[in-house]
């Protein structure tokens, strides 16, 4: 994938709106760190089996318009 990887500091209270703007901000996905992993689990539209079993998400990607979370 042609692109870049950058750290973005997002306050917990802003995480939901940040994810809502992820695609429009030009991101194809990203990684999630504490304290956002459980919130990401709740906010993605679909999760992989590992994320479902763990109850947290550490990787995000788009499949079409769907935000998917994995672990």
N, C-alpha and C. Protein backbone atom coordinates (compact mmCIF):
# COMPACT_ATOMS: atom_id res chain seq x y z
N UNK A 1 0.86 -1.18 0.00
CA UNK A 1 0.00 0.00 0.00
C UNK A 1 0.89 1.23 0.00
N UNK A 2 0.67 2.10 -0.91
CA UNK A 2 1.37 3.38 -0.90
C UNK A 2 0.73 4.25 0.17
N UNK A 3 1.51 4.71 1.10
CA UNK A 3 0.94 5.54 2.15
C UNK A 3 1.97 5.86 3.20
N UNK A 4 1.49 6.27 4.35
CA UNK A 4 2.36 6.62 5.47
C UNK A 4 1.73 6.13 6.75
N UNK A 5 2.51 6.14 7.79
CA UNK A 5 2.06 5.69 9.11
C UNK A 5 2.37 6.81 10.07
N UNK A 6 1.35 7.28 10.79
CA UNK A 6 1.59 8.39 11.71
C UNK A 6 0.80 8.19 13.00
N UNK A 7 1.35 8.71 14.08
CA UNK A 7 0.67 8.67 15.38
C UNK A 7 -0.26 9.88 15.49
N UNK A 8 -1.47 9.62 15.96
CA UNK A 8 -2.43 10.69 16.17
C UNK A 8 -2.91 10.57 17.61
N UNK A 9 -2.70 11.60 18.41
CA UNK A 9 -3.12 11.61 19.81
C UNK A 9 -4.59 12.02 19.86
N UNK A 10 -5.44 11.10 20.31
CA UNK A 10 -6.88 11.36 20.37
C UNK A 10 -7.35 11.17 21.81
N UNK A 11 -7.97 12.18 22.37
CA UNK A 11 -8.50 12.09 23.73
C UNK A 11 -9.67 11.11 23.76
N UNK A 12 -9.86 10.40 24.86
CA UNK A 12 -10.96 9.44 24.94
C UNK A 12 -12.32 10.02 24.57
N UNK A 13 -12.60 11.22 24.96
CA UNK A 13 -13.88 11.84 24.65
C UNK A 13 -14.07 12.19 23.19
N UNK A 14 -12.98 12.17 22.41
CA UNK A 14 -13.03 12.52 21.00
C UNK A 14 -12.89 11.29 20.09
N UNK A 15 -12.71 10.12 20.69
CA UNK A 15 -12.40 8.93 19.89
C UNK A 15 -13.53 8.55 18.94
N UNK A 16 -14.75 8.57 19.39
CA UNK A 16 -15.88 8.20 18.55
C UNK A 16 -15.98 9.11 17.32
N UNK A 17 -15.87 10.40 17.53
CA UNK A 17 -15.97 11.31 16.38
C UNK A 17 -14.75 11.18 15.47
N UNK A 18 -13.57 10.89 16.04
CA UNK A 18 -12.38 10.66 15.22
C UNK A 18 -12.60 9.47 14.29
N UNK A 19 -13.12 8.37 14.82
CA UNK A 19 -13.38 7.20 13.98
C UNK A 19 -14.43 7.52 12.91
N UNK A 20 -15.41 8.33 13.26
CA UNK A 20 -16.44 8.71 12.29
C UNK A 20 -15.88 9.50 11.12
N UNK A 21 -14.75 10.14 11.31
CA UNK A 21 -14.12 10.95 10.25
C UNK A 21 -12.89 10.27 9.66
N UNK A 22 -12.61 9.04 10.05
CA UNK A 22 -11.37 8.37 9.66
C UNK A 22 -11.18 8.32 8.15
N UNK A 23 -12.18 7.84 7.44
CA UNK A 23 -12.07 7.73 5.98
C UNK A 23 -11.96 9.11 5.35
N UNK A 24 -12.78 10.05 5.78
CA UNK A 24 -12.76 11.38 5.20
C UNK A 24 -11.43 12.09 5.45
N UNK A 25 -10.72 11.69 6.52
CA UNK A 25 -9.42 12.27 6.83
C UNK A 25 -8.31 11.64 5.99
N UNK A 26 -8.67 10.65 5.17
CA UNK A 26 -7.70 10.05 4.26
C UNK A 26 -7.05 8.77 4.77
N UNK A 27 -7.52 8.25 5.89
CA UNK A 27 -6.94 7.02 6.44
C UNK A 27 -7.58 5.79 5.82
N UNK A 28 -6.77 4.78 5.55
CA UNK A 28 -7.26 3.48 5.07
C UNK A 28 -7.52 2.55 6.24
N UNK A 29 -7.07 2.93 7.41
CA UNK A 29 -7.22 2.13 8.63
C UNK A 29 -6.23 2.63 9.65
N UNK A 30 -5.94 1.78 10.64
CA UNK A 30 -4.98 2.20 11.64
C UNK A 30 -4.88 1.20 12.77
N UNK A 31 -4.00 1.53 13.68
CA UNK A 31 -3.83 0.73 14.89
C UNK A 31 -4.37 1.51 16.07
N UNK A 32 -4.86 0.78 17.06
CA UNK A 32 -5.49 1.38 18.22
C UNK A 32 -4.70 0.96 19.46
N UNK A 33 -4.43 1.92 20.33
CA UNK A 33 -3.73 1.61 21.57
C UNK A 33 -4.63 1.93 22.76
N UNK A 34 -4.21 1.48 23.91
CA UNK A 34 -4.93 1.81 25.15
C UNK A 34 -4.91 3.32 25.29
N UNK A 35 -5.96 3.98 25.63
CA UNK A 35 -7.18 3.48 26.27
C UNK A 35 -8.34 3.23 25.32
N UNK A 36 -8.08 3.12 24.01
CA UNK A 36 -9.17 3.09 23.03
C UNK A 36 -9.59 1.71 22.52
N UNK A 37 -8.91 0.65 22.93
CA UNK A 37 -9.17 -0.67 22.33
C UNK A 37 -10.59 -1.18 22.58
N UNK A 38 -11.11 -1.00 23.77
CA UNK A 38 -12.48 -1.47 24.04
C UNK A 38 -13.51 -0.57 23.38
N UNK A 39 -13.25 0.73 23.34
CA UNK A 39 -14.16 1.64 22.64
C UNK A 39 -14.20 1.31 21.15
N UNK A 40 -13.04 1.00 20.57
CA UNK A 40 -13.00 0.63 19.15
C UNK A 40 -13.83 -0.62 18.90
N UNK A 41 -13.77 -1.58 19.81
CA UNK A 41 -14.57 -2.80 19.70
C UNK A 41 -16.04 -2.45 19.57
N UNK A 42 -16.51 -1.50 20.37
CA UNK A 42 -17.92 -1.10 20.35
C UNK A 42 -18.29 -0.28 19.12
N UNK A 43 -17.33 0.42 18.53
CA UNK A 43 -17.63 1.37 17.47
C UNK A 43 -17.50 0.83 16.06
N UNK A 44 -16.76 -0.26 15.86
CA UNK A 44 -16.63 -0.79 14.50
C UNK A 44 -17.92 -1.48 14.07
N UNK A 45 -18.10 -1.60 12.78
CA UNK A 45 -19.31 -2.23 12.25
C UNK A 45 -19.21 -3.75 12.21
N UNK A 46 -17.97 -4.26 12.15
CA UNK A 46 -17.76 -5.70 12.12
C UNK A 46 -16.42 -6.00 12.78
N UNK A 47 -16.32 -7.18 13.40
CA UNK A 47 -15.09 -7.58 14.09
C UNK A 47 -14.64 -8.95 13.60
N UNK A 48 -13.32 -9.21 13.62
CA UNK A 48 -12.85 -10.54 13.31
C UNK A 48 -13.02 -11.43 14.54
N UNK A 49 -12.80 -12.72 14.37
CA UNK A 49 -13.03 -13.69 15.44
C UNK A 49 -12.14 -13.42 16.65
N UNK A 50 -10.89 -13.04 16.42
CA UNK A 50 -9.98 -12.78 17.54
C UNK A 50 -10.46 -11.60 18.37
N UNK A 51 -10.87 -10.53 17.71
CA UNK A 51 -11.37 -9.36 18.44
C UNK A 51 -12.64 -9.73 19.21
N UNK A 52 -13.49 -10.51 18.58
CA UNK A 52 -14.74 -10.93 19.24
C UNK A 52 -14.41 -11.72 20.51
N UNK A 53 -13.44 -12.61 20.44
CA UNK A 53 -13.08 -13.44 21.59
C UNK A 53 -12.42 -12.62 22.70
N UNK A 54 -11.64 -11.62 22.32
CA UNK A 54 -10.89 -10.82 23.30
C UNK A 54 -11.73 -9.69 23.86
N UNK A 55 -12.64 -9.15 23.05
CA UNK A 55 -13.46 -8.02 23.49
C UNK A 55 -12.78 -6.69 23.30
N UNK A 56 -11.80 -6.65 22.40
CA UNK A 56 -11.07 -5.42 22.13
C UNK A 56 -10.56 -5.46 20.69
N UNK A 57 -10.26 -4.28 20.16
CA UNK A 57 -9.77 -4.14 18.78
C UNK A 57 -8.46 -3.38 18.82
N UNK A 58 -7.46 -3.86 18.06
CA UNK A 58 -6.21 -3.09 17.95
C UNK A 58 -5.85 -2.73 16.52
N UNK A 59 -6.63 -3.20 15.55
CA UNK A 59 -6.39 -2.87 14.15
C UNK A 59 -7.72 -2.53 13.47
N UNK A 60 -7.71 -1.47 12.69
CA UNK A 60 -8.90 -1.03 11.96
C UNK A 60 -8.59 -0.99 10.47
N UNK A 61 -9.58 -1.35 9.65
CA UNK A 61 -9.44 -1.22 8.20
C UNK A 61 -10.83 -1.11 7.59
N UNK A 62 -10.87 -0.60 6.39
CA UNK A 62 -12.13 -0.49 5.67
C UNK A 62 -12.25 -1.61 4.65
N UNK A 63 -13.41 -2.20 4.60
CA UNK A 63 -13.80 -3.10 3.52
C UNK A 63 -15.00 -2.44 2.87
N UNK A 64 -14.75 -1.81 1.72
CA UNK A 64 -15.78 -0.96 1.13
C UNK A 64 -16.02 0.22 2.06
N UNK A 65 -17.26 0.41 2.47
CA UNK A 65 -17.60 1.50 3.39
C UNK A 65 -17.67 1.01 4.84
N UNK A 66 -17.39 -0.26 5.07
CA UNK A 66 -17.52 -0.86 6.40
C UNK A 66 -16.22 -0.77 7.17
N UNK A 67 -16.28 -0.21 8.39
CA UNK A 67 -15.12 -0.16 9.27
C UNK A 67 -15.06 -1.48 10.04
N UNK A 68 -13.95 -2.20 9.86
CA UNK A 68 -13.77 -3.51 10.46
C UNK A 68 -12.67 -3.41 11.50
N UNK A 69 -12.84 -4.17 12.61
CA UNK A 69 -11.83 -4.20 13.65
C UNK A 69 -11.32 -5.61 13.86
N UNK A 70 -10.04 -5.71 14.15
CA UNK A 70 -9.43 -7.00 14.39
C UNK A 70 -8.45 -6.95 15.52
N UNK A 71 -7.92 -8.12 15.81
CA UNK A 71 -6.92 -8.20 16.86
C UNK A 71 -5.91 -9.27 16.50
